[in-house]
Protein backbone atom coordinates (compact mmCIF):
# COMPACT_ATOMS: atom_id res chain seq x y z
CA MET A 1 72.12 98.31 133.42
CA SER A 2 75.63 99.70 133.92
CA GLU A 3 76.69 96.32 135.21
CA LYS A 4 75.37 94.63 132.04
CA LEU A 5 77.18 97.17 129.85
CA TYR A 6 80.44 96.79 131.82
CA GLN A 7 80.16 93.00 131.63
CA ILE A 8 79.87 93.14 127.82
CA VAL A 9 82.88 95.50 127.60
CA SER A 10 84.88 93.22 129.91
CA GLU A 11 84.09 90.18 127.79
CA VAL A 12 84.79 91.80 124.42
CA PHE A 13 88.07 93.38 125.50
CA ASN A 14 88.98 90.37 127.65
CA VAL A 15 89.84 92.51 130.69
CA GLU A 16 88.79 92.33 134.33
CA LEU A 17 85.42 93.90 135.12
CA ASN A 18 87.00 96.23 137.71
CA LYS A 19 88.98 97.97 134.93
CA ILE A 20 85.75 99.14 133.26
CA ASN A 21 83.93 102.38 134.11
CA ASP A 22 82.27 105.29 132.30
CA ASN A 23 85.64 106.86 131.51
CA THR A 24 87.14 103.72 129.94
CA SER A 25 88.36 104.70 126.47
CA PRO A 26 91.03 103.80 123.91
CA GLU A 27 93.39 106.14 125.74
CA ASN A 28 93.32 104.13 128.95
CA LEU A 29 92.49 100.62 127.72
CA GLU A 30 95.13 99.02 125.53
CA GLU A 31 92.72 96.35 124.25
CA TRP A 32 90.40 98.97 122.73
CA ASP A 33 91.32 98.96 119.06
CA SER A 34 89.18 99.50 115.97
CA PHE A 35 88.36 95.81 115.51
CA ASN A 36 87.37 95.26 119.15
CA PHE A 37 85.33 98.45 119.05
CA TYR A 38 83.19 97.08 116.23
CA VAL A 39 82.82 93.77 118.04
CA LEU A 40 81.69 95.77 121.07
CA LEU A 41 79.17 97.74 119.01
CA ASP A 42 77.74 94.50 117.64
CA GLN A 43 77.48 92.90 121.06
CA ILE A 44 75.79 95.95 122.61
CA GLU A 45 73.35 96.26 119.71
CA ASN A 46 72.43 92.59 120.03
CA LYS A 47 72.15 92.48 123.82
CA PHE A 48 70.14 95.73 124.08
CA ASN A 49 68.17 95.19 120.83
CA ILE A 50 69.12 98.53 119.29
CA LYS A 51 70.91 99.70 116.15
CA PHE A 52 73.28 102.66 116.12
CA ASP A 53 73.68 104.75 113.00
CA LEU A 54 77.07 105.81 111.70
CA ASP A 55 76.94 109.29 113.25
CA GLU A 56 76.18 107.80 116.66
CA THR A 57 79.10 105.37 116.45
CA LEU A 58 81.43 108.22 115.60
CA GLU A 59 80.36 110.04 118.79
CA ILE A 60 81.46 107.16 121.01
CA LYS A 61 84.77 108.03 122.61
CA LYS A 62 84.37 106.29 125.98
CA ILE A 63 82.02 103.80 127.66
CA GLY A 64 79.92 106.60 129.22
CA ASP A 65 78.95 107.67 125.69
CA PHE A 66 77.00 104.44 125.28
CA LYS A 67 74.85 105.48 128.24
CA LYS A 68 74.00 108.75 126.51
CA LEU A 69 72.87 106.79 123.47
CA PHE A 70 70.87 104.43 125.67
CA GLU A 71 68.96 107.44 127.04
CA LYS A 72 68.20 108.51 123.45
CA TYR A 73 66.74 105.03 122.81
CA GLY A 74 64.84 104.97 126.09
CA ILE A 75 67.01 102.34 127.75
CA ASN A 76 67.46 102.95 131.47
CA THR A 77 71.00 102.55 132.75
């Protein structure tokens, strides 16, 4: 599951897969801007068939935070 998440992040931000890990964030990935973040949210929601609420999206500060939300929705990573 992590591989699927990382692949989505890699595609949305147009960066190499090996640059993506749980600590990837706007602070260490130049391509992570507000627009690309919303594209990422949309892609993740579509690929994993979930819908985040506003409060959840505001909690996302790095890629590992998606995994915490996946646990909440019962998605194994």
